[in-house]
C-alpha atoms as a PDB file:
ATOM      1  CA  UNK A   1      -7.823  20.844 -38.877  1.00  0.00           C
ATOM      2  CA  UNK A   2      -6.851  23.363 -36.179  1.00  0.00           C
ATOM      3  CA  UNK A   3      -9.341  21.648 -33.835  1.00  0.00           C
ATOM      4  CA  UNK A   4      -7.888  18.223 -34.558  1.00  0.00           C
ATOM      5  CA  UNK A   5      -4.305  19.573 -34.003  1.00  0.00           C
ATOM      6  CA  UNK A   6      -5.416  21.060 -30.779  1.00  0.00           C
ATOM      7  CA  UNK A   7      -6.850  17.784 -29.607  1.00  0.00           C
ATOM      8  CA  UNK A   8      -3.646  16.074 -30.474  1.00  0.00           C
ATOM      9  CA  UNK A   9      -1.659  18.635 -28.679  1.00  0.00           C
ATOM     10  CA  UNK A  10      -3.914  18.110 -25.591  1.00  0.00           C
ATOM     11  CA  UNK A  11      -3.512  14.261 -25.824  1.00  0.00           C
ATOM     12  CA  UNK A  12       0.323  14.481 -26.165  1.00  0.00           C
ATOM     13  CA  UNK A  13       0.408  16.929 -23.216  1.00  0.00           C
ATOM     14  CA  UNK A  14      -1.680  14.595 -21.149  1.00  0.00           C
ATOM     15  CA  UNK A  15       0.713  11.642 -21.933  1.00  0.00           C
ATOM     16  CA  UNK A  16       3.791  13.701 -21.155  1.00  0.00           C
ATOM     17  CA  UNK A  17       2.303  15.122 -17.990  1.00  0.00           C
ATOM     18  CA  UNK A  18       1.504  11.642 -16.509  1.00  0.00           C
ATOM     19  CA  UNK A  19       4.811  10.393 -17.670  1.00  0.00           C
ATOM     20  CA  UNK A  20       6.716  13.196 -15.908  1.00  0.00           C
ATOM     21  CA  UNK A  21       4.686  12.597 -12.660  1.00  0.00           C
ATOM     22  CA  UNK A  22       5.361   8.835 -12.932  1.00  0.00           C
ATOM     23  CA  UNK A  23       8.917   9.398 -13.708  1.00  0.00           C
ATOM     24  CA  UNK A  24       9.329  11.685 -10.688  1.00  0.00           C
ATOM     25  CA  UNK A  25       7.946   8.997  -8.430  1.00  0.00           C
ATOM     26  CA  UNK A  26      10.169   6.329  -9.891  1.00  0.00           C
ATOM     27  CA  UNK A  27      13.363   8.318  -9.630  1.00  0.00           C
ATOM     28  CA  UNK A  28      12.292   9.427  -6.104  1.00  0.00           C
ATOM     29  CA  UNK A  29      12.429   5.606  -5.051  1.00  0.00           C
ATOM     30  CA  UNK A  30      16.143   6.334  -4.387  1.00  0.00           C
ATOM     31  CA  UNK A  31      15.015   8.061  -1.235  1.00  0.00           C
ATOM     32  CA  UNK A  32      14.052   4.640   0.066  1.00  0.00           C
ATOM     33  CA  UNK A  33      17.416   3.324  -0.912  1.00  0.00           C
ATOM     34  CA  UNK A  34      19.671   2.712  -3.888  1.00  0.00           C
ATOM     35  CA  UNK A  35      18.434  -0.888  -4.099  1.00  0.00           C
ATOM     36  CA  UNK A  36      14.864   0.093  -4.542  1.00  0.00           C
ATOM     37  CA  UNK A  37      15.687   2.393  -7.454  1.00  0.00           C
ATOM     38  CA  UNK A  38      18.000  -0.235  -9.017  1.00  0.00           C
ATOM     39  CA  UNK A  39      15.265  -2.965  -8.815  1.00  0.00           C
ATOM     40  CA  UNK A  40      12.626  -0.678 -10.494  1.00  0.00           C
ATOM     41  CA  UNK A  41      15.106   0.258 -13.189  1.00  0.00           C
ATOM     42  CA  UNK A  42      16.158  -3.294 -13.790  1.00  0.00           C
ATOM     43  CA  UNK A  43      12.451  -4.188 -14.052  1.00  0.00           C
ATOM     44  CA  UNK A  44      11.852  -1.535 -16.692  1.00  0.00           C
ATOM     45  CA  UNK A  45      14.902  -2.630 -18.720  1.00  0.00           C
ATOM     46  CA  UNK A  46      14.155  -6.294 -18.609  1.00  0.00           C
ATOM     47  CA  UNK A  47      10.677  -5.716 -19.855  1.00  0.00           C
ATOM     48  CA  UNK A  48      12.137  -3.255 -22.492  1.00  0.00           C
ATOM     49  CA  UNK A  49       9.953  -0.478 -21.209  1.00  0.00           C
ATOM     50  CA  UNK A  50      13.064   1.653 -21.019  1.00  0.00           C
ATOM     51  CA  UNK A  51      14.456   0.791 -24.348  1.00  0.00           C
ATOM     52  CA  UNK A  52      11.078   1.128 -26.096  1.00  0.00           C
ATOM     53  CA  UNK A  53       9.288   3.646 -23.877  1.00  0.00           C
ATOM     54  CA  UNK A  54      12.274   6.103 -23.892  1.00  0.00           C
ATOM     55  CA  UNK A  55      12.231   6.700 -27.674  1.00  0.00           C
ATOM     56  CA  UNK A  56       8.384   6.742 -27.642  1.00  0.00           C
ATOM     57  CA  UNK A  57       8.359   9.473 -25.099  1.00  0.00           C
ATOM     58  CA  UNK A  58      11.041  11.402 -26.897  1.00  0.00           C
ATOM     59  CA  UNK A  59       9.008  11.354 -30.127  1.00  0.00           C
ATOM     60  CA  UNK A  60       5.896  12.379 -28.194  1.00  0.00           C
ATOM     61  CA  UNK A  61       8.018  15.197 -26.650  1.00  0.00           C
ATOM     62  CA  UNK A  62       8.995  16.572 -29.987  1.00  0.00           C
ATOM     63  CA  UNK A  63       5.592  16.147 -31.477  1.00  0.00           C
ATOM     64  CA  UNK A  64       3.997  18.069 -28.661  1.00  0.00           C
ATOM     65  CA  UNK A  65       6.443  20.862 -29.167  1.00  0.00           C
ATOM     66  CA  UNK A  66       5.778  21.121 -32.870  1.00  0.00           C
ATOM     67  CA  UNK A  67       2.082  21.198 -32.238  1.00  0.00           C
ATOM     68  CA  UNK A  68       2.368  23.803 -29.531  1.00  0.00           C
ATOM     69  CA  UNK A  69       4.902  25.954 -31.718  1.00  0.00           C
ATOM     70  CA  UNK A  70       2.086  26.696 -34.000  1.00  0.00           C
ATOM     71  CA  UNK A  71       0.892  29.396 -31.339  1.00  0.00           C
ATOM     72  CA  UNK A  72       4.168  30.450 -30.008  1.00  0.00           C
ATOM     73  CA  UNK A  73       5.402  34.014 -30.670  1.00  0.00           C
ATOM     74  CA  UNK A  74       8.886  33.435 -32.055  1.00  0.00           C
ATOM     75  CA  UNK A  75       9.410  36.838 -33.833  1.00  0.00           C
ATOM     76  CA  UNK A  76      10.251  40.004 -31.805  1.00  0.00           C
ATOM     77  CA  UNK A  77       7.157  41.864 -33.054  1.00  0.00           C
ATOM     78  CA  UNK A  78       4.921  38.945 -31.920  1.00  0.00           C
ATOM     79  CA  UNK A  79       6.599  38.747 -28.487  1.00  0.00           C
ATOM     80  CA  UNK A  80       6.234  42.546 -28.021  1.00  0.00           C
ATOM     81  CA  UNK A  81       2.532  42.425 -29.038  1.00  0.00           C
ATOM     82  CA  UNK A  82       1.626  39.605 -26.727  1.00  0.00           C
ATOM     83  CA  UNK A  83       3.589  41.170 -23.797  1.00  0.00           C
ATOM     84  CA  UNK A  84       1.691  44.474 -24.257  1.00  0.00           C
ATOM     85  CA  UNK A  85      -1.622  42.666 -24.724  1.00  0.00           C
ATOM     86  CA  UNK A  86      -1.014  40.639 -21.444  1.00  0.00           C
ATOM     87  CA  UNK A  87      -0.387  43.823 -19.447  1.00  0.00           C
ATOM     88  CA  UNK A  88      -3.552  45.292 -20.803  1.00  0.00           C
ATOM     89  CA  UNK A  89      -5.787  42.364 -20.133  1.00  0.00           C
ATOM     90  CA  UNK A  90      -4.384  41.833 -16.530  1.00  0.00           C
ATOM     91  CA  UNK A  91      -5.732  38.286 -16.625  1.00  0.00           C
ATOM     92  CA  UNK A  92      -3.955  35.670 -14.601  1.00  0.00           C
ATOM     93  CA  UNK A  93      -4.619  32.794 -17.077  1.00  0.00           C
ATOM     94  CA  UNK A  94      -2.940  34.760 -19.890  1.00  0.00           C
ATOM     95  CA  UNK A  95       0.228  35.131 -17.778  1.00  0.00           C
ATOM     96  CA  UNK A  96       0.042  31.361 -17.135  1.00  0.00           C
ATOM     97  CA  UNK A  97       0.200  30.775 -20.893  1.00  0.00           C
ATOM     98  CA  UNK A  98       3.226  33.139 -21.119  1.00  0.00           C
ATOM     99  CA  UNK A  99       4.968  31.172 -18.422  1.00  0.00           C
ATOM    100  CA  UNK A 100       4.198  27.943 -20.244  1.00  0.00           C
ATOM    101  CA  UNK A 101       5.572  29.377 -23.457  1.00  0.00           C
ATOM    102  CA  UNK A 102       8.791  30.468 -21.657  1.00  0.00           C
ATOM    103  CA  UNK A 103       9.333  27.227 -20.004  1.00  0.00           C
ATOM    104  CA  UNK A 104       8.636  25.262 -23.062  1.00  0.00           C
ATOM    105  CA  UNK A 105      11.735  26.825 -24.772  1.00  0.00           C
ATOM    106  CA  UNK A 106      13.912  25.892 -21.817  1.00  0.00           C
ATOM    107  CA  UNK A 107      12.489  22.336 -21.519  1.00  0.00           C
ATOM    108  CA  UNK A 108      12.992  21.777 -25.390  1.00  0.00           C
ATOM    109  CA  UNK A 109      16.792  22.311 -24.932  1.00  0.00           C
ATOM    110  CA  UNK A 110      17.416  20.899 -21.506  1.00  0.00           C
ATOM    111  CA  UNK A 111      14.887  18.077 -21.777  1.00  0.00           C
ATOM    112  CA  UNK A 112      16.606  16.874 -24.949  1.00  0.00           C
ATOM    113  CA  UNK A 113      19.984  16.887 -23.292  1.00  0.00           C
ATOM    114  CA  UNK A 114      18.579  14.911 -20.290  1.00  0.00           C
ATOM    115  CA  UNK A 115      16.922  12.273 -22.539  1.00  0.00           C
ATOM    116  CA  UNK A 116      19.984  11.911 -24.699  1.00  0.00           C
ATOM    117  CA  UNK A 117      22.241  11.513 -21.653  1.00  0.00           C
ATOM    118  CA  UNK A 118      20.103   8.881 -19.984  1.00  0.00           C
ATOM    119  CA  UNK A 119      19.050   6.916 -23.034  1.00  0.00           C
ATOM    120  CA  UNK A 120      22.574   6.655 -24.419  1.00  0.00           C
ATOM    121  CA  UNK A 121      23.908   5.403 -21.101  1.00  0.00           C
ATOM    122  CA  UNK A 122      21.745   2.520 -20.126  1.00  0.00           C
ATOM    123  CA  UNK A 123      21.300   0.764 -17.806  1.00  0.00           C
ATOM    124  CA  UNK A 124      20.068   3.310 -15.351  1.00  0.00           C
ATOM    125  CA  UNK A 125      21.436   2.812 -11.833  1.00  0.00           C
ATOM    126  CA  UNK A 126      21.273   4.866  -8.532  1.00  0.00           C
ATOM    127  CA  UNK A 127      25.126   5.063  -8.459  1.00  0.00           C
ATOM    128  CA  UNK A 128      25.315   6.318 -12.042  1.00  0.00           C
ATOM    129  CA  UNK A 129      22.648   8.923 -11.499  1.00  0.00           C
ATOM    130  CA  UNK A 130      24.361   9.922  -8.224  1.00  0.00           C
ATOM    131  CA  UNK A 131      27.759  10.340  -9.896  1.00  0.00           C
ATOM    132  CA  UNK A 132      26.208  12.578 -12.521  1.00  0.00           C
ATOM    133  CA  UNK A 133      24.505  14.791  -9.873  1.00  0.00           C
ATOM    134  CA  UNK A 134      27.714  14.942  -7.829  1.00  0.00           C
ATOM    135  CA  UNK A 135      29.728  15.870 -10.935  1.00  0.00           C
ATOM    136  CA  UNK A 136      29.284  19.616 -10.680  1.00  0.00           C
ATOM    137  CA  UNK A 137      27.238  21.497 -13.292  1.00  0.00           C
ATOM    138  CA  UNK A 138      24.717  18.634 -13.495  1.00  0.00           C
ATOM    139  CA  UNK A 139      23.153  19.719 -10.101  1.00  0.00           C
ATOM    140  CA  UNK A 140      22.718  23.245 -11.360  1.00  0.00           C
ATOM    141  CA  UNK A 141      21.313  21.791 -14.571  1.00  0.00           C
ATOM    142  CA  UNK A 142      18.587  19.874 -12.746  1.00  0.00           C
ATOM    143  CA  UNK A 143      17.922  22.651 -10.270  1.00  0.00           C
ATOM    144  CA  UNK A 144      16.828  24.712 -13.335  1.00  0.00           C
ATOM    145  CA  UNK A 145      15.145  21.905 -15.239  1.00  0.00           C
ATOM    146  CA  UNK A 146      13.039  20.625 -12.319  1.00  0.00           C
ATOM    147  CA  UNK A 147      10.985  23.765 -11.581  1.00  0.00           C
ATOM    148  CA  UNK A 148      10.690  24.412 -15.371  1.00  0.00           C
ATOM    149  CA  UNK A 149       9.118  20.995 -16.044  1.00  0.00           C
ATOM    150  CA  UNK A 150       6.859  20.991 -12.987  1.00  0.00           C
ATOM    151  CA  UNK A 151       5.578  24.476 -13.740  1.00  0.00           C
ATOM    152  CA  UNK A 152       4.981  23.655 -17.393  1.00  0.00           C
ATOM    153  CA  UNK A 153       3.233  20.393 -16.532  1.00  0.00           C
ATOM    154  CA  UNK A 154       1.116  21.941 -13.759  1.00  0.00           C
ATOM    155  CA  UNK A 155      -0.071  24.868 -15.641  1.00  0.00           C
ATOM    156  CA  UNK A 156      -0.659  22.642 -18.684  1.00  0.00           C
ATOM    157  CA  UNK A 157      -2.831  20.349 -16.472  1.00  0.00           C
ATOM    158  CA  UNK A 158      -4.877  23.283 -15.419  1.00  0.00           C
ATOM    159  CA  UNK A 159      -5.243  24.779 -18.839  1.00  0.00           C
ATOM    160  CA  UNK A 160      -6.308  21.475 -20.338  1.00  0.00           C
ATOM    161  CA  UNK A 161      -8.963  21.107 -17.652  1.00  0.00           C
ATOM    162  CA  UNK A 162     -10.270  24.601 -18.314  1.00  0.00           C
ATOM    163  CA  UNK A 163      -9.949  24.736 -22.175  1.00  0.00           C
ATOM    164  CA  UNK A 164     -11.643  21.377 -22.644  1.00  0.00           C
ATOM    165  CA  UNK A 165     -14.410  22.107 -20.004  1.00  0.00           C
ATOM    166  CA  UNK A 166     -13.466  19.417 -17.577  1.00  0.00           C
ATOM    167  CA  UNK A 167     -13.535  22.163 -14.837  1.00  0.00           C
ATOM    168  CA  UNK A 168     -16.366  24.778 -14.906  1.00  0.00           C
ATOM    169  CA  UNK A 169     -15.963  28.546 -14.107  1.00  0.00           C
ATOM    170  CA  UNK A 170     -17.133  28.169 -10.459  1.00  0.00           C
ATOM    171  CA  UNK A 171     -14.563  25.415  -9.810  1.00  0.00           C
ATOM    172  CA  UNK A 172     -11.770  27.208 -11.610  1.00  0.00           C
ATOM    173  CA  UNK A 173     -10.173  28.949  -8.592  1.00  0.00           C
ATOM    174  CA  UNK A 174     -10.251  25.791  -6.349  1.00  0.00           C
ATOM    175  CA  UNK A 175      -8.719  23.748  -9.186  1.00  0.00           C
ATOM    176  CA  UNK A 176      -6.122  26.227  -9.674  1.00  0.00           C
ATOM    177  CA  UNK A 177      -5.208  26.109  -6.020  1.00  0.00           C
ATOM    178  CA  UNK A 178      -4.994  22.226  -6.311  1.00  0.00           C
ATOM    179  CA  UNK A 179      -2.750  22.546  -9.266  1.00  0.00           C
ATOM    180  CA  UNK A 180      -0.393  24.913  -7.387  1.00  0.00           C
ATOM    181  CA  UNK A 181      -0.381  22.436  -4.484  1.00  0.00           C
ATOM    182  CA  UNK A 182       0.497  19.519  -6.811  1.00  0.00           C
ATOM    183  CA  UNK A 183       3.233  21.509  -8.501  1.00  0.00           C
ATOM    184  CA  UNK A 184       4.721  22.352  -5.244  1.00  0.00           C
ATOM    185  CA  UNK A 185       4.633  18.785  -3.975  1.00  0.00           C
ATOM    186  CA  UNK A 186       6.423  17.484  -7.029  1.00  0.00           C
ATOM    187  CA  UNK A 187       9.119  20.201  -6.870  1.00  0.00           C
ATOM    188  CA  UNK A 188       9.625  19.281  -3.219  1.00  0.00           C
ATOM    189  CA  UNK A 189       9.936  15.533  -4.099  1.00  0.00           C
ATOM    190  CA  UNK A 190      12.389  16.462  -6.827  1.00  0.00           C
ATOM    191  CA  UNK A 191      14.543  18.489  -4.442  1.00  0.00           C
ATOM    192  CA  UNK A 192      14.552  15.784  -1.873  1.00  0.00           C
ATOM    193  CA  UNK A 193      15.609  13.315  -4.513  1.00  0.00           C
ATOM    194  CA  UNK A 194      18.432  15.516  -5.696  1.00  0.00           C
ATOM    195  CA  UNK A 195      19.728  15.865  -1.987  1.00  0.00           C
ATOM    196  CA  UNK A 196      19.624  12.002  -1.714  1.00  0.00           C
ATOM    197  CA  UNK A 197      21.612  11.633  -4.939  1.00  0.00           C
ATOM    198  CA  UNK A 198      24.169  14.197  -3.523  1.00  0.00           C
ATOM    199  CA  UNK A 199      24.638  12.251  -0.332  1.00  0.00           C
ATOM    200  CA  UNK A 200      24.597   8.741  -1.968  1.00  0.00           C
ATOM    201  CA  UNK A 201      27.887   6.884  -1.371  1.00  0.00           C
ATOM    202  CA  UNK A 202      29.180   9.461   0.872  1.00  0.00           C
END
């Protein structure tokens, strides 16, 4: 049963990672112009991909957290033990797991707020998204959420490849470098997108 649960955790993680990267590219279409983003959003809503896909992704999001929570140290003594053990091991991949666990807690709260805000305020438009970003605290909100999501997804991408033997020991370092580059690229795209929303309509 633990193996099957691990497999399901991996599959939901892959789905969410692919969704986040696709989502980032779609939202970043505003860089090309508000009309481009509005056209894409309109297509997703006319085909009911937003109305159906949104709740499906939300359910996948919570299922993934429940599966991952089996291994998260919630109690203080567990957190103290894992911290001491990580310092003793001095192993980079162990620290990556800790970063993933930390970002998971932040994403659970902030990601839920983001999904609720967007899904209860359809249709999605560039003007509406820009107004939210220009509204004050939402900019800070996304400046925190953006690196948390991309770090979590990038590290998860690497750990899945290693854990399930898609990447061998000899290729591990090069693959880790690729993962870091990919994470940096998506964070950069996200920052440029936020800047575009800030300047939209001004």
